[in-house]
N, C-alpha and C. Protein backbone atom coordinates (compact mmCIF):
# COMPACT_ATOMS: atom_id res chain seq x y z
N UNK A 1 18.37 -4.09 20.49
CA UNK A 1 19.68 -4.63 20.68
C UNK A 1 20.39 -4.73 19.33
N UNK A 2 21.69 -4.25 19.28
CA UNK A 2 22.43 -4.29 18.02
C UNK A 2 23.09 -5.64 17.84
N UNK A 3 23.15 -6.05 16.57
CA UNK A 3 23.82 -7.30 16.25
C UNK A 3 25.16 -6.97 15.63
N UNK A 4 26.23 -7.24 16.38
CA UNK A 4 27.58 -6.95 15.90
C UNK A 4 28.14 -8.08 15.07
N UNK A 5 27.42 -9.07 14.87
CA UNK A 5 27.89 -10.21 14.09
C UNK A 5 28.65 -11.17 14.97
N UNK A 6 28.81 -12.31 14.48
CA UNK A 6 29.51 -13.35 15.22
C UNK A 6 31.02 -13.19 15.02
N UNK A 7 31.82 -13.14 16.11
CA UNK A 7 33.26 -13.03 15.94
C UNK A 7 33.82 -14.26 15.25
N UNK A 8 34.91 -14.05 14.52
CA UNK A 8 35.53 -15.16 13.81
C UNK A 8 35.47 -14.93 12.32
N UNK A 9 35.62 -15.97 11.54
CA UNK A 9 35.66 -15.83 10.09
C UNK A 9 34.31 -15.39 9.56
N UNK A 10 34.35 -14.39 8.70
CA UNK A 10 33.14 -13.95 8.02
C UNK A 10 32.27 -13.01 8.81
N UNK A 11 32.49 -12.88 10.09
CA UNK A 11 31.68 -11.97 10.89
C UNK A 11 32.17 -10.55 10.74
N UNK A 12 31.32 -9.59 11.10
CA UNK A 12 31.71 -8.19 10.96
C UNK A 12 32.74 -7.80 12.00
N UNK A 13 32.95 -8.61 13.02
CA UNK A 13 33.94 -8.32 14.05
C UNK A 13 35.22 -9.10 13.85
N UNK A 14 35.57 -9.40 12.61
CA UNK A 14 36.76 -10.21 12.33
C UNK A 14 38.00 -9.51 12.87
N UNK A 15 38.64 -10.12 13.84
CA UNK A 15 39.78 -9.55 14.54
C UNK A 15 40.98 -9.33 13.63
N UNK A 16 41.17 -10.22 12.65
CA UNK A 16 42.32 -10.11 11.74
C UNK A 16 42.29 -8.79 10.97
N UNK A 17 41.12 -8.40 10.49
CA UNK A 17 41.00 -7.15 9.73
C UNK A 17 41.10 -5.94 10.64
N UNK A 18 40.84 -6.09 11.91
CA UNK A 18 40.97 -4.98 12.85
C UNK A 18 42.44 -4.77 13.25
N UNK A 19 43.19 -5.85 13.35
CA UNK A 19 44.58 -5.77 13.83
C UNK A 19 45.57 -5.52 12.69
N UNK A 20 45.27 -5.93 11.48
CA UNK A 20 46.21 -5.84 10.37
C UNK A 20 46.74 -4.42 10.15
N UNK A 21 45.93 -3.37 10.11
CA UNK A 21 46.50 -2.02 9.92
C UNK A 21 47.44 -1.61 11.06
N UNK A 22 47.12 -2.05 12.26
CA UNK A 22 47.99 -1.73 13.41
C UNK A 22 49.32 -2.47 13.26
N UNK A 23 49.28 -3.73 12.85
CA UNK A 23 50.49 -4.53 12.66
C UNK A 23 51.36 -3.94 11.57
N UNK A 24 50.77 -3.57 10.45
CA UNK A 24 51.53 -2.97 9.34
C UNK A 24 52.14 -1.65 9.77
N UNK A 25 51.39 -0.86 10.50
CA UNK A 25 51.90 0.42 11.00
C UNK A 25 53.06 0.22 11.96
N UNK A 26 52.96 -0.79 12.84
CA UNK A 26 54.03 -1.06 13.80
C UNK A 26 55.30 -1.51 13.07
N UNK A 27 55.17 -2.38 12.07
CA UNK A 27 56.34 -2.83 11.31
C UNK A 27 56.98 -1.64 10.60
N UNK A 28 56.18 -0.76 10.03
CA UNK A 28 56.69 0.44 9.35
C UNK A 28 57.48 1.31 10.33
N UNK A 29 56.93 1.54 11.52
CA UNK A 29 57.60 2.36 12.53
C UNK A 29 58.92 1.71 12.96
N UNK A 30 58.93 0.39 13.12
CA UNK A 30 60.15 -0.32 13.53
C UNK A 30 61.23 -0.19 12.45
N UNK A 31 60.87 -0.39 11.19
CA UNK A 31 61.84 -0.29 10.09
C UNK A 31 62.41 1.13 10.01
N UNK A 32 61.55 2.12 10.06
CA UNK A 32 62.02 3.52 10.01
C UNK A 32 62.91 3.83 11.21
N UNK A 33 62.55 3.32 12.39
CA UNK A 33 63.35 3.54 13.59
C UNK A 33 64.75 2.95 13.44
N UNK A 34 64.84 1.75 12.86
CA UNK A 34 66.15 1.12 12.65
C UNK A 34 67.00 1.97 11.71
N UNK A 35 66.41 2.47 10.62
CA UNK A 35 67.15 3.34 9.70
C UNK A 35 67.65 4.59 10.41
N UNK A 36 66.80 5.21 11.21
CA UNK A 36 67.19 6.43 11.92
C UNK A 36 68.32 6.13 12.91
N UNK A 37 68.23 5.02 13.63
CA UNK A 37 69.27 4.66 14.60
C UNK A 37 70.60 4.44 13.89
N UNK A 38 70.59 3.73 12.76
CA UNK A 38 71.83 3.47 12.01
C UNK A 38 72.43 4.79 11.51
N UNK A 39 71.60 5.68 11.00
CA UNK A 39 72.09 6.97 10.50
C UNK A 39 72.67 7.80 11.64
N UNK A 40 71.97 7.88 12.76
CA UNK A 40 72.45 8.66 13.91
C UNK A 40 73.76 8.08 14.44
N UNK A 41 73.86 6.75 14.51
CA UNK A 41 75.09 6.11 14.97
C UNK A 41 76.25 6.41 14.03
N UNK A 42 76.01 6.36 12.72
CA UNK A 42 77.05 6.67 11.75
C UNK A 42 77.53 8.12 11.85
N UNK A 43 76.59 9.04 11.98
CA UNK A 43 76.95 10.47 12.11
C UNK A 43 77.71 10.70 13.41
N UNK A 44 77.29 10.02 14.48
CA UNK A 44 77.97 10.15 15.76
C UNK A 44 79.41 9.66 15.68
N UNK A 45 79.63 8.51 15.02
CA UNK A 45 80.99 7.96 14.87
C UNK A 45 81.84 8.88 14.00
N UNK A 46 81.27 9.41 12.93
CA UNK A 46 81.99 10.33 12.04
C UNK A 46 82.40 11.58 12.82
N UNK A 47 81.47 12.12 13.62
CA UNK A 47 81.75 13.31 14.41
C UNK A 47 82.82 13.03 15.46
N UNK A 48 82.73 11.86 16.10
CA UNK A 48 83.72 11.48 17.11
C UNK A 48 85.11 11.36 16.48
N UNK A 49 85.20 10.74 15.30
CA UNK A 49 86.49 10.63 14.61
C UNK A 49 87.06 12.00 14.28
N UNK A 50 86.20 12.92 13.84
CA UNK A 50 86.67 14.25 13.48
C UNK A 50 87.25 15.01 14.67
N UNK A 51 86.78 14.71 15.88
CA UNK A 51 87.27 15.38 17.08
C UNK A 51 88.60 14.81 17.56
N UNK A 52 88.98 13.63 17.08
CA UNK A 52 90.22 12.97 17.50
C UNK A 52 91.42 13.55 16.75
N UNK A 53 92.57 13.45 17.39
CA UNK A 53 93.81 13.86 16.74
C UNK A 53 94.22 12.80 15.72
N UNK A 54 94.90 13.25 14.68
CA UNK A 54 95.49 12.31 13.72
C UNK A 54 96.77 11.79 14.36
N UNK A 55 96.87 10.46 14.49
CA UNK A 55 98.04 9.85 15.13
C UNK A 55 98.81 9.01 14.12
N UNK A 56 100.13 9.05 14.25
CA UNK A 56 101.02 8.19 13.47
C UNK A 56 101.88 7.44 14.46
N UNK A 57 101.77 6.10 14.43
CA UNK A 57 102.49 5.28 15.39
C UNK A 57 103.18 4.12 14.67
N UNK A 58 104.25 3.63 15.30
CA UNK A 58 104.93 2.44 14.77
C UNK A 58 104.00 1.25 14.97
N UNK A 59 103.85 0.44 13.94
CA UNK A 59 102.93 -0.69 14.01
C UNK A 59 103.37 -1.79 13.07
N UNK A 60 102.79 -2.97 13.28
CA UNK A 60 103.03 -4.13 12.42
C UNK A 60 101.68 -4.66 11.95
N UNK A 61 101.62 -5.06 10.68
CA UNK A 61 100.41 -5.68 10.15
C UNK A 61 100.36 -7.10 10.71
N UNK A 62 99.32 -7.40 11.49
CA UNK A 62 99.22 -8.70 12.13
C UNK A 62 98.40 -9.66 11.29
N UNK A 63 97.27 -9.20 10.80
CA UNK A 63 96.41 -10.07 10.00
C UNK A 63 95.49 -9.23 9.12
N UNK A 64 94.95 -9.88 8.11
CA UNK A 64 93.98 -9.25 7.21
C UNK A 64 92.79 -10.19 7.09
N UNK A 65 91.62 -9.61 6.84
CA UNK A 65 90.45 -10.43 6.58
C UNK A 65 89.49 -9.68 5.67
N UNK A 66 88.62 -10.43 5.03
CA UNK A 66 87.59 -9.81 4.18
C UNK A 66 86.25 -10.40 4.57
N UNK A 67 85.21 -9.66 4.29
CA UNK A 67 83.85 -10.07 4.61
C UNK A 67 83.00 -9.86 3.36
N UNK A 68 82.33 -10.91 2.90
CA UNK A 68 81.53 -10.83 1.68
C UNK A 68 80.06 -11.00 2.06
N UNK A 69 79.21 -10.16 1.47
CA UNK A 69 77.76 -10.33 1.67
C UNK A 69 77.07 -10.19 0.33
N UNK A 70 75.91 -10.81 0.24
CA UNK A 70 75.15 -10.79 -1.01
C UNK A 70 75.69 -11.80 -1.99
N UNK A 71 75.38 -11.60 -3.26
CA UNK A 71 75.89 -12.46 -4.31
C UNK A 71 75.04 -13.67 -4.62
N UNK A 72 73.82 -13.71 -4.11
CA UNK A 72 72.96 -14.84 -4.43
C UNK A 72 71.74 -14.35 -5.19
N UNK A 73 71.14 -15.22 -5.94
CA UNK A 73 69.93 -14.89 -6.72
C UNK A 73 70.13 -13.68 -7.61
N UNK A 74 71.21 -13.69 -8.36
CA UNK A 74 71.51 -12.64 -9.33
C UNK A 74 71.71 -11.25 -8.72
N UNK A 75 72.07 -11.17 -7.43
CA UNK A 75 72.40 -9.88 -6.83
C UNK A 75 73.92 -9.78 -6.75
N UNK A 76 74.41 -8.58 -6.75
CA UNK A 76 75.86 -8.41 -6.71
C UNK A 76 76.36 -8.59 -5.27
N UNK A 77 77.57 -9.06 -5.15
CA UNK A 77 78.20 -9.26 -3.85
C UNK A 77 78.96 -8.00 -3.47
N UNK A 78 79.05 -7.76 -2.17
CA UNK A 78 79.84 -6.66 -1.63
C UNK A 78 80.92 -7.25 -0.76
N UNK A 79 82.12 -6.70 -0.86
CA UNK A 79 83.24 -7.18 -0.05
C UNK A 79 83.81 -6.02 0.75
N UNK A 80 84.00 -6.26 2.03
CA UNK A 80 84.63 -5.29 2.93
C UNK A 80 85.96 -5.87 3.36
N UNK A 81 86.97 -5.02 3.44
CA UNK A 81 88.32 -5.46 3.77
C UNK A 81 88.75 -4.83 5.10
N UNK A 82 89.44 -5.64 5.91
CA UNK A 82 89.90 -5.20 7.22
C UNK A 82 91.35 -5.62 7.42
N UNK A 83 92.09 -4.79 8.16
CA UNK A 83 93.47 -5.12 8.52
C UNK A 83 93.63 -4.85 10.01
N UNK A 84 94.37 -5.75 10.67
CA UNK A 84 94.65 -5.60 12.10
C UNK A 84 96.12 -5.25 12.26
N UNK A 85 96.36 -4.20 13.05
CA UNK A 85 97.71 -3.71 13.31
C UNK A 85 98.01 -3.86 14.79
N UNK A 86 99.27 -4.16 15.10
CA UNK A 86 99.71 -4.20 16.49
C UNK A 86 100.71 -3.09 16.69
N UNK A 87 100.48 -2.25 17.71
CA UNK A 87 101.38 -1.13 18.00
C UNK A 87 102.39 -1.58 19.04
N UNK A 88 103.37 -0.72 19.32
CA UNK A 88 104.47 -1.06 20.22
C UNK A 88 104.02 -1.48 21.60
N UNK A 89 102.90 -0.94 22.10
CA UNK A 89 102.41 -1.29 23.44
C UNK A 89 101.81 -2.69 23.49
N UNK A 90 101.61 -3.30 22.32
CA UNK A 90 101.00 -4.63 22.25
C UNK A 90 99.52 -4.59 21.93
N UNK A 91 98.93 -3.39 21.95
CA UNK A 91 97.51 -3.26 21.61
C UNK A 91 97.31 -3.53 20.12
N UNK A 92 96.16 -4.09 19.81
CA UNK A 92 95.81 -4.36 18.42
C UNK A 92 94.60 -3.53 18.02
N UNK A 93 94.62 -3.06 16.79
CA UNK A 93 93.52 -2.26 16.26
C UNK A 93 93.16 -2.77 14.88
N UNK A 94 91.87 -2.94 14.65
CA UNK A 94 91.40 -3.38 13.34
C UNK A 94 90.73 -2.19 12.65
N UNK A 95 91.07 -2.01 11.37
CA UNK A 95 90.50 -0.91 10.59
C UNK A 95 89.91 -1.44 9.30
N UNK A 96 88.86 -0.77 8.86
CA UNK A 96 88.31 -1.02 7.53
C UNK A 96 89.25 -0.33 6.55
N UNK A 97 89.69 -1.04 5.52
CA UNK A 97 90.60 -0.47 4.52
C UNK A 97 90.02 -0.65 3.13
N UNK A 98 90.47 0.17 2.21
CA UNK A 98 90.03 0.05 0.81
C UNK A 98 90.68 -1.17 0.18
N UNK A 99 90.07 -1.66 -0.89
CA UNK A 99 90.57 -2.86 -1.58
C UNK A 99 92.02 -2.68 -2.03
N UNK A 100 92.37 -1.50 -2.55
CA UNK A 100 93.73 -1.26 -3.03
C UNK A 100 94.74 -1.36 -1.88
N UNK A 101 94.39 -0.78 -0.72
CA UNK A 101 95.25 -0.84 0.45
C UNK A 101 95.39 -2.27 0.93
N UNK A 102 94.27 -3.00 0.94
CA UNK A 102 94.25 -4.38 1.39
C UNK A 102 95.25 -5.22 0.59
N UNK A 103 95.25 -5.01 -0.70
CA UNK A 103 96.15 -5.76 -1.57
C UNK A 103 97.61 -5.42 -1.35
N UNK A 104 97.89 -4.21 -0.91
CA UNK A 104 99.27 -3.78 -0.71
C UNK A 104 99.82 -4.16 0.67
N UNK A 105 98.94 -4.41 1.63
CA UNK A 105 99.38 -4.76 2.98
C UNK A 105 99.81 -6.22 3.03
N UNK A 106 100.93 -6.48 3.71
CA UNK A 106 101.44 -7.84 3.85
C UNK A 106 101.62 -8.10 5.34
N UNK A 107 101.13 -9.26 5.78
CA UNK A 107 101.29 -9.62 7.19
C UNK A 107 102.76 -9.60 7.56
N UNK A 108 103.05 -9.11 8.76
CA UNK A 108 104.39 -8.96 9.34
C UNK A 108 105.13 -7.74 8.82
N UNK A 109 104.52 -6.96 7.92
CA UNK A 109 105.13 -5.69 7.52
C UNK A 109 105.16 -4.76 8.72
N UNK A 110 106.27 -4.03 8.86
CA UNK A 110 106.40 -3.05 9.92
C UNK A 110 106.46 -1.67 9.28
N UNK A 111 105.88 -0.69 9.96
CA UNK A 111 105.89 0.65 9.43
C UNK A 111 105.17 1.62 10.33
N UNK A 112 104.64 2.67 9.72
CA UNK A 112 103.94 3.71 10.47
C UNK A 112 102.47 3.71 10.09
N UNK A 113 101.63 3.49 11.08
CA UNK A 113 100.18 3.49 10.92
C UNK A 113 99.67 4.88 11.24
N UNK A 114 98.84 5.43 10.35
CA UNK A 114 98.23 6.74 10.59
C UNK A 114 96.73 6.54 10.65
N UNK A 115 96.11 7.07 11.73
CA UNK A 115 94.68 6.91 11.91
C UNK A 115 94.12 8.08 12.71
N UNK A 116 92.81 8.21 12.68
CA UNK A 116 92.10 9.25 13.41
C UNK A 116 90.87 8.61 14.02
N UNK A 117 90.91 8.34 15.32
CA UNK A 117 89.81 7.63 15.96
C UNK A 117 89.73 6.21 15.42
N UNK A 118 88.60 5.87 14.80
CA UNK A 118 88.44 4.54 14.20
C UNK A 118 88.65 4.60 12.69
N UNK A 119 89.11 5.73 12.18
CA UNK A 119 89.28 5.94 10.74
C UNK A 119 90.72 5.67 10.32
N UNK A 120 90.91 4.70 9.44
CA UNK A 120 92.22 4.36 8.90
C UNK A 120 92.61 5.42 7.87
N UNK A 121 93.83 5.94 8.01
CA UNK A 121 94.30 6.95 7.06
C UNK A 121 95.45 6.46 6.19
N UNK A 122 96.18 5.44 6.65
CA UNK A 122 97.25 4.91 5.82
C UNK A 122 98.29 4.15 6.62
N UNK A 123 99.13 3.45 5.88
CA UNK A 123 100.24 2.69 6.47
C UNK A 123 101.43 2.81 5.53
N UNK A 124 102.53 3.32 6.08
CA UNK A 124 103.75 3.45 5.29
C UNK A 124 104.77 2.45 5.81
N UNK A 125 105.19 1.52 4.93
CA UNK A 125 106.13 0.48 5.31
C UNK A 125 107.51 1.06 5.53
N UNK A 126 108.23 0.45 6.51
CA UNK A 126 109.64 0.80 6.69
C UNK A 126 110.41 0.34 5.47
N UNK A 127 111.43 1.02 5.12
CA UNK A 127 112.23 0.68 3.92
C UNK A 127 112.77 -0.75 4.00
N UNK A 128 113.27 -1.17 5.19
CA UNK A 128 113.86 -2.49 5.29
C UNK A 128 112.84 -3.61 5.24
N UNK A 129 111.53 -3.33 5.48
CA UNK A 129 110.53 -4.40 5.43
C UNK A 129 109.93 -4.56 4.03
N UNK A 130 110.28 -3.67 3.11
CA UNK A 130 109.77 -3.80 1.74
C UNK A 130 110.64 -4.79 0.98
N UNK A 131 109.96 -5.67 0.26
CA UNK A 131 110.71 -6.65 -0.53
C UNK A 131 110.71 -6.25 -1.99
N UNK A 132 111.69 -6.74 -2.73
CA UNK A 132 111.82 -6.40 -4.15
C UNK A 132 111.16 -7.46 -4.99
């Protein structure tokens, strides 16, 4: 009769050492899967935007917001800028905009919004809504 050792601490059948490689492998597969899903989703959105027509519509800047992440424990912070536009039909659309564009947009400005799918391409203010 073979002696497999007593299960538990110190025995040759210690369950923790048997499961640990499986656990590490599962975590690795999950992390890689998340990266692949994010990449595929990004490529899919990019491809979808490319298939859309470039549209220019009358719109008004309704609101702006920024989102900051990071910046703790000596890491750099990242800031994302968003602007919400309302078109003549009353629909509202929020777009990610560059920092320079964010600074130039003013709430209640009216003008022409140009976009392609979910991709912001620009906003040109009407002459009468520009202030000196």
